[in-house]
Amino acid sequence: MKFYKITASGLGTGYSPVAPGTAGSVLGIILFWILNFALQKADANEWFILVLNSGVIILTMFIGVKAIKEVHKIWEHDAGKIVIDEIVGVWIAAFAVPFRWEYYLSALVLFRFFDILKPLYIRRLDNMKTNWSVMLDDVLAGIYALIVLQLIIYFKVF
């Protein structure tokens, strides 16, 4: 059970007394930055980076849903301390963007925007009250954030 608590709480960031979802998202973007910094320094092929990031996101999503299922036995549904879904969501928001801090920060801000407001079917997923819906509302928020960020990059907003 300890593994599932640590995983679901995003290495404990979910226990933050202030904005645990944001704390988990910040941890997520830092971890994603570190991974991609290491890959850049290793001069990894762009396709390898995309495939590895995809694998990390998918693996973490499945492990996260299992952790969510287990902690729901002792915590209330979608407890504030469950932030593994925020970590996966922010990774999706930062997926396939150029390795620049401005874009990673934008991914974080856009993800939190969509995650908090829950527009365009995100709230519907959030209201389903299943282990998968806890994860999938943040996956969808991450996808929306990624789309907006890709448009920002394409139109050279900054």
C-alpha atoms as a PDB file:
ATOM      1  CA  MET A   1       0.000   0.000   0.000  1.00  0.00           C
ATOM      2  CA  LYS A   2       2.915   2.353   0.703  1.00  0.00           C
ATOM      3  CA  PHE A   3       4.027   2.210  -2.955  1.00  0.00           C
ATOM      4  CA  TYR A   4       0.518   3.125  -4.107  1.00  0.00           C
ATOM      5  CA  LYS A   5       0.266   6.036  -1.662  1.00  0.00           C
ATOM      6  CA  ILE A   6       3.649   7.400  -2.785  1.00  0.00           C
ATOM      7  CA  THR A   7       2.716   6.963  -6.444  1.00  0.00           C
ATOM      8  CA  ALA A   8      -0.812   8.373  -6.181  1.00  0.00           C
ATOM      9  CA  SER A   9       0.392  11.354  -4.142  1.00  0.00           C
ATOM     10  CA  GLY A  10       3.124  12.231  -6.632  1.00  0.00           C
ATOM     11  CA  LEU A  11       6.037  11.435  -4.299  1.00  0.00           C
ATOM     12  CA  GLY A  12       4.150  13.194  -1.518  1.00  0.00           C
ATOM     13  CA  THR A  13       3.370  16.460  -3.325  1.00  0.00           C
ATOM     14  CA  GLY A  14      -0.318  15.622  -2.994  1.00  0.00           C
ATOM     15  CA  TYR A  15       0.017  16.191   0.754  1.00  0.00           C
ATOM     16  CA  SER A  16       0.803  19.876   0.158  1.00  0.00           C
ATOM     17  CA  PRO A  17      -1.504  21.960   2.385  1.00  0.00           C
ATOM     18  CA  VAL A  18      -1.859  24.536  -0.402  1.00  0.00           C
ATOM     19  CA  ALA A  19      -2.834  23.638  -3.983  1.00  0.00           C
ATOM     20  CA  PRO A  20      -1.787  19.968  -4.039  1.00  0.00           C
ATOM     21  CA  GLY A  21      -2.810  19.643  -7.706  1.00  0.00           C
ATOM     22  CA  THR A  22      -0.516  22.495  -8.650  1.00  0.00           C
ATOM     23  CA  ALA A  23       2.275  21.042  -6.489  1.00  0.00           C
ATOM     24  CA  GLY A  24       1.923  17.717  -8.314  1.00  0.00           C
ATOM     25  CA  SER A  25       1.870  19.486 -11.678  1.00  0.00           C
ATOM     26  CA  VAL A  26       5.033  21.428 -10.804  1.00  0.00           C
ATOM     27  CA  LEU A  27       6.754  18.182  -9.806  1.00  0.00           C
ATOM     28  CA  GLY A  28       5.584  16.659 -13.077  1.00  0.00           C
ATOM     29  CA  ILE A  29       6.971  19.439 -15.251  1.00  0.00           C
ATOM     30  CA  ILE A  30      10.274  19.380 -13.333  1.00  0.00           C
ATOM     31  CA  LEU A  31      10.592  15.606 -13.822  1.00  0.00           C
ATOM     32  CA  PHE A  32       9.723  15.938 -17.513  1.00  0.00           C
ATOM     33  CA  TRP A  33      12.276  18.744 -17.875  1.00  0.00           C
ATOM     34  CA  ILE A  34      14.986  16.631 -16.192  1.00  0.00           C
ATOM     35  CA  LEU A  35      14.233  13.636 -18.430  1.00  0.00           C
ATOM     36  CA  ASN A  36      14.322  15.720 -21.591  1.00  0.00           C
ATOM     37  CA  PHE A  37      17.386  17.681 -20.446  1.00  0.00           C
ATOM     38  CA  ALA A  38      19.238  14.378 -19.998  1.00  0.00           C
ATOM     39  CA  LEU A  39      18.084  13.192 -23.413  1.00  0.00           C
ATOM     40  CA  GLN A  40      19.189  16.473 -25.016  1.00  0.00           C
ATOM     41  CA  LYS A  41      22.597  16.261 -23.324  1.00  0.00           C
ATOM     42  CA  ALA A  42      22.954  12.662 -24.521  1.00  0.00           C
ATOM     43  CA  ASP A  43      22.257  13.958 -28.038  1.00  0.00           C
ATOM     44  CA  ALA A  44      19.363  11.518 -28.374  1.00  0.00           C
ATOM     45  CA  ASN A  45      17.565  11.233 -31.679  1.00  0.00           C
ATOM     46  CA  GLU A  46      14.329  13.251 -31.858  1.00  0.00           C
ATOM     47  CA  TRP A  47      12.258  10.145 -32.646  1.00  0.00           C
ATOM     48  CA  PHE A  48      13.823   8.280 -29.735  1.00  0.00           C
ATOM     49  CA  ILE A  49      12.846  11.153 -27.433  1.00  0.00           C
ATOM     50  CA  LEU A  50       9.237  11.084 -28.689  1.00  0.00           C
ATOM     51  CA  VAL A  51       8.975   7.300 -28.335  1.00  0.00           C
ATOM     52  CA  LEU A  52      10.553   7.311 -24.874  1.00  0.00           C
ATOM     53  CA  ASN A  53       8.320  10.158 -23.680  1.00  0.00           C
ATOM     54  CA  SER A  54       5.266   8.322 -25.062  1.00  0.00           C
ATOM     55  CA  GLY A  55       6.274   5.172 -23.226  1.00  0.00           C
ATOM     56  CA  VAL A  56       6.878   7.025 -19.966  1.00  0.00           C
ATOM     57  CA  ILE A  57       3.495   8.749 -20.203  1.00  0.00           C
ATOM     58  CA  ILE A  58       1.585   5.555 -21.031  1.00  0.00           C
ATOM     59  CA  LEU A  59       3.381   3.467 -18.395  1.00  0.00           C
ATOM     60  CA  THR A  60       2.849   6.126 -15.730  1.00  0.00           C
ATOM     61  CA  MET A  61      -0.802   6.409 -16.712  1.00  0.00           C
ATOM     62  CA  PHE A  62      -1.410   2.675 -16.198  1.00  0.00           C
ATOM     63  CA  ILE A  63       0.619   2.528 -12.976  1.00  0.00           C
ATOM     64  CA  GLY A  64      -1.231   5.653 -11.832  1.00  0.00           C
ATOM     65  CA  VAL A  65      -4.666   4.140 -12.443  1.00  0.00           C
ATOM     66  CA  LYS A  66      -3.634   1.049 -10.465  1.00  0.00           C
ATOM     67  CA  ALA A  67      -2.400   3.291  -7.633  1.00  0.00           C
ATOM     68  CA  ILE A  68      -5.648   5.284  -7.745  1.00  0.00           C
ATOM     69  CA  LYS A  69      -7.647   2.047  -7.533  1.00  0.00           C
ATOM     70  CA  GLU A  70      -5.689   0.901  -4.485  1.00  0.00           C
ATOM     71  CA  VAL A  71      -5.769   4.201  -2.565  1.00  0.00           C
ATOM     72  CA  HIS A  72      -9.504   4.544  -3.166  1.00  0.00           C
ATOM     73  CA  LYS A  73      -9.807   1.711  -0.640  1.00  0.00           C
ATOM     74  CA  ILE A  74      -8.538   4.053   2.102  1.00  0.00           C
ATOM     75  CA  TRP A  75      -8.994   7.573   0.678  1.00  0.00           C
ATOM     76  CA  GLU A  76     -12.159   9.198  -0.650  1.00  0.00           C
ATOM     77  CA  HIS A  77     -12.777   9.202  -4.407  1.00  0.00           C
ATOM     78  CA  ASP A  78     -10.403  11.546  -6.244  1.00  0.00           C
ATOM     79  CA  ALA A  79      -8.973  12.842  -2.975  1.00  0.00           C
ATOM     80  CA  GLY A  80      -6.985  16.066  -3.316  1.00  0.00           C
ATOM     81  CA  LYS A  81      -3.824  14.193  -2.411  1.00  0.00           C
ATOM     82  CA  ILE A  82      -4.129  12.056  -5.580  1.00  0.00           C
ATOM     83  CA  VAL A  83      -1.946  13.959  -8.046  1.00  0.00           C
ATOM     84  CA  ILE A  84      -0.452  11.258 -10.275  1.00  0.00           C
ATOM     85  CA  ASP A  85      -3.141  12.251 -12.778  1.00  0.00           C
ATOM     86  CA  GLU A  86      -1.860  15.846 -12.746  1.00  0.00           C
ATOM     87  CA  ILE A  87       1.660  14.585 -13.407  1.00  0.00           C
ATOM     88  CA  VAL A  88       0.520  12.574 -16.434  1.00  0.00           C
ATOM     89  CA  GLY A  89      -1.607  15.479 -17.678  1.00  0.00           C
ATOM     90  CA  VAL A  90       1.211  18.009 -17.546  1.00  0.00           C
ATOM     91  CA  TRP A  91       3.537  15.542 -19.286  1.00  0.00           C
ATOM     92  CA  ILE A  92       1.018  15.305 -22.115  1.00  0.00           C
ATOM     93  CA  ALA A  93       0.831  19.114 -22.259  1.00  0.00           C
ATOM     94  CA  ALA A  94       4.635  19.280 -22.620  1.00  0.00           C
ATOM     95  CA  PHE A  95       4.857  16.367 -25.056  1.00  0.00           C
ATOM     96  CA  ALA A  96       6.530  17.089 -28.410  1.00  0.00           C
ATOM     97  CA  VAL A  97       7.257  20.748 -27.716  1.00  0.00           C
ATOM     98  CA  PRO A  98      10.688  22.276 -28.316  1.00  0.00           C
ATOM     99  CA  PHE A  99      13.005  22.030 -25.330  1.00  0.00           C
ATOM    100  CA  ARG A 100      12.667  25.613 -24.079  1.00  0.00           C
ATOM    101  CA  TRP A 101      11.732  26.679 -20.570  1.00  0.00           C
ATOM    102  CA  GLU A 102       9.100  29.097 -21.930  1.00  0.00           C
ATOM    103  CA  TYR A 103       7.227  26.219 -23.532  1.00  0.00           C
ATOM    104  CA  TYR A 104       7.466  23.997 -20.468  1.00  0.00           C
ATOM    105  CA  LEU A 105       6.181  26.812 -18.261  1.00  0.00           C
ATOM    106  CA  SER A 106       3.398  27.464 -20.780  1.00  0.00           C
ATOM    107  CA  ALA A 107       2.517  23.755 -20.759  1.00  0.00           C
ATOM    108  CA  LEU A 108       2.201  23.903 -16.970  1.00  0.00           C
ATOM    109  CA  VAL A 109       0.031  27.043 -16.994  1.00  0.00           C
ATOM    110  CA  LEU A 110      -2.197  25.845 -19.838  1.00  0.00           C
ATOM    111  CA  PHE A 111      -2.634  22.431 -18.244  1.00  0.00           C
ATOM    112  CA  ARG A 112      -3.653  23.955 -14.899  1.00  0.00           C
ATOM    113  CA  PHE A 113      -6.045  26.295 -16.734  1.00  0.00           C
ATOM    114  CA  PHE A 114      -7.867  23.398 -18.415  1.00  0.00           C
ATOM    115  CA  ASP A 115      -7.647  21.168 -15.342  1.00  0.00           C
ATOM    116  CA  ILE A 116      -9.168  23.765 -13.030  1.00  0.00           C
ATOM    117  CA  LEU A 117     -11.881  25.099 -15.369  1.00  0.00           C
ATOM    118  CA  LYS A 118     -12.702  21.664 -16.848  1.00  0.00           C
ATOM    119  CA  PRO A 119     -14.279  22.800 -20.154  1.00  0.00           C
ATOM    120  CA  LEU A 120     -15.191  20.696 -23.204  1.00  0.00           C
ATOM    121  CA  TYR A 121     -16.107  17.312 -21.693  1.00  0.00           C
ATOM    122  CA  ILE A 122     -13.397  17.388 -19.015  1.00  0.00           C
ATOM    123  CA  ARG A 123     -16.020  17.970 -16.312  1.00  0.00           C
ATOM    124  CA  ARG A 124     -18.143  15.138 -17.709  1.00  0.00           C
ATOM    125  CA  LEU A 125     -15.179  12.766 -17.318  1.00  0.00           C
ATOM    126  CA  ASP A 126     -14.472  14.143 -13.858  1.00  0.00           C
ATOM    127  CA  ASN A 127     -18.063  13.435 -12.792  1.00  0.00           C
ATOM    128  CA  MET A 128     -17.943   9.757 -13.833  1.00  0.00           C
ATOM    129  CA  LYS A 129     -16.360   8.741 -10.508  1.00  0.00           C
ATOM    130  CA  THR A 130     -14.298   5.786 -11.739  1.00  0.00           C
ATOM    131  CA  ASN A 131     -10.597   5.070 -11.295  1.00  0.00           C
ATOM    132  CA  TRP A 132     -10.048   5.704 -15.000  1.00  0.00           C
ATOM    133  CA  SER A 133     -12.053   8.937 -15.011  1.00  0.00           C
ATOM    134  CA  VAL A 134      -9.768  10.342 -12.292  1.00  0.00           C
ATOM    135  CA  MET A 135      -6.887   9.930 -14.754  1.00  0.00           C
ATOM    136  CA  LEU A 136      -8.682  10.646 -18.022  1.00  0.00           C
ATOM    137  CA  ASP A 137     -10.019  14.099 -17.147  1.00  0.00           C
ATOM    138  CA  ASP A 138      -6.398  15.191 -16.673  1.00  0.00           C
ATOM    139  CA  VAL A 139      -5.306  13.383 -19.837  1.00  0.00           C
ATOM    140  CA  LEU A 140      -7.927  15.376 -21.747  1.00  0.00           C
ATOM    141  CA  ALA A 141      -6.851  18.628 -20.042  1.00  0.00           C
ATOM    142  CA  GLY A 142      -3.279  17.801 -21.097  1.00  0.00           C
ATOM    143  CA  ILE A 143      -4.372  17.178 -24.688  1.00  0.00           C
ATOM    144  CA  TYR A 144      -6.213  20.510 -24.828  1.00  0.00           C
ATOM    145  CA  ALA A 145      -3.187  22.285 -23.355  1.00  0.00           C
ATOM    146  CA  LEU A 146      -0.911  20.583 -25.901  1.00  0.00           C
ATOM    147  CA  ILE A 147      -3.138  21.670 -28.793  1.00  0.00           C
ATOM    148  CA  VAL A 148      -3.158  25.298 -27.627  1.00  0.00           C
ATOM    149  CA  LEU A 149       0.598  25.224 -27.021  1.00  0.00           C
ATOM    150  CA  GLN A 150       1.244  23.751 -30.479  1.00  0.00           C
ATOM    151  CA  LEU A 151      -0.830  26.579 -31.983  1.00  0.00           C
ATOM    152  CA  ILE A 152       1.188  29.117 -29.989  1.00  0.00           C
ATOM    153  CA  ILE A 153       4.405  27.583 -31.310  1.00  0.00           C
ATOM    154  CA  TYR A 154       3.115  27.319 -34.891  1.00  0.00           C
ATOM    155  CA  PHE A 155       1.995  30.940 -34.992  1.00  0.00           C
ATOM    156  CA  LYS A 156       5.214  32.045 -33.256  1.00  0.00           C
ATOM    157  CA  VAL A 157       3.418  33.878 -30.464  1.00  0.00           C
ATOM    158  CA  PHE A 158       6.718  33.692 -28.561  1.00  0.00           C
END
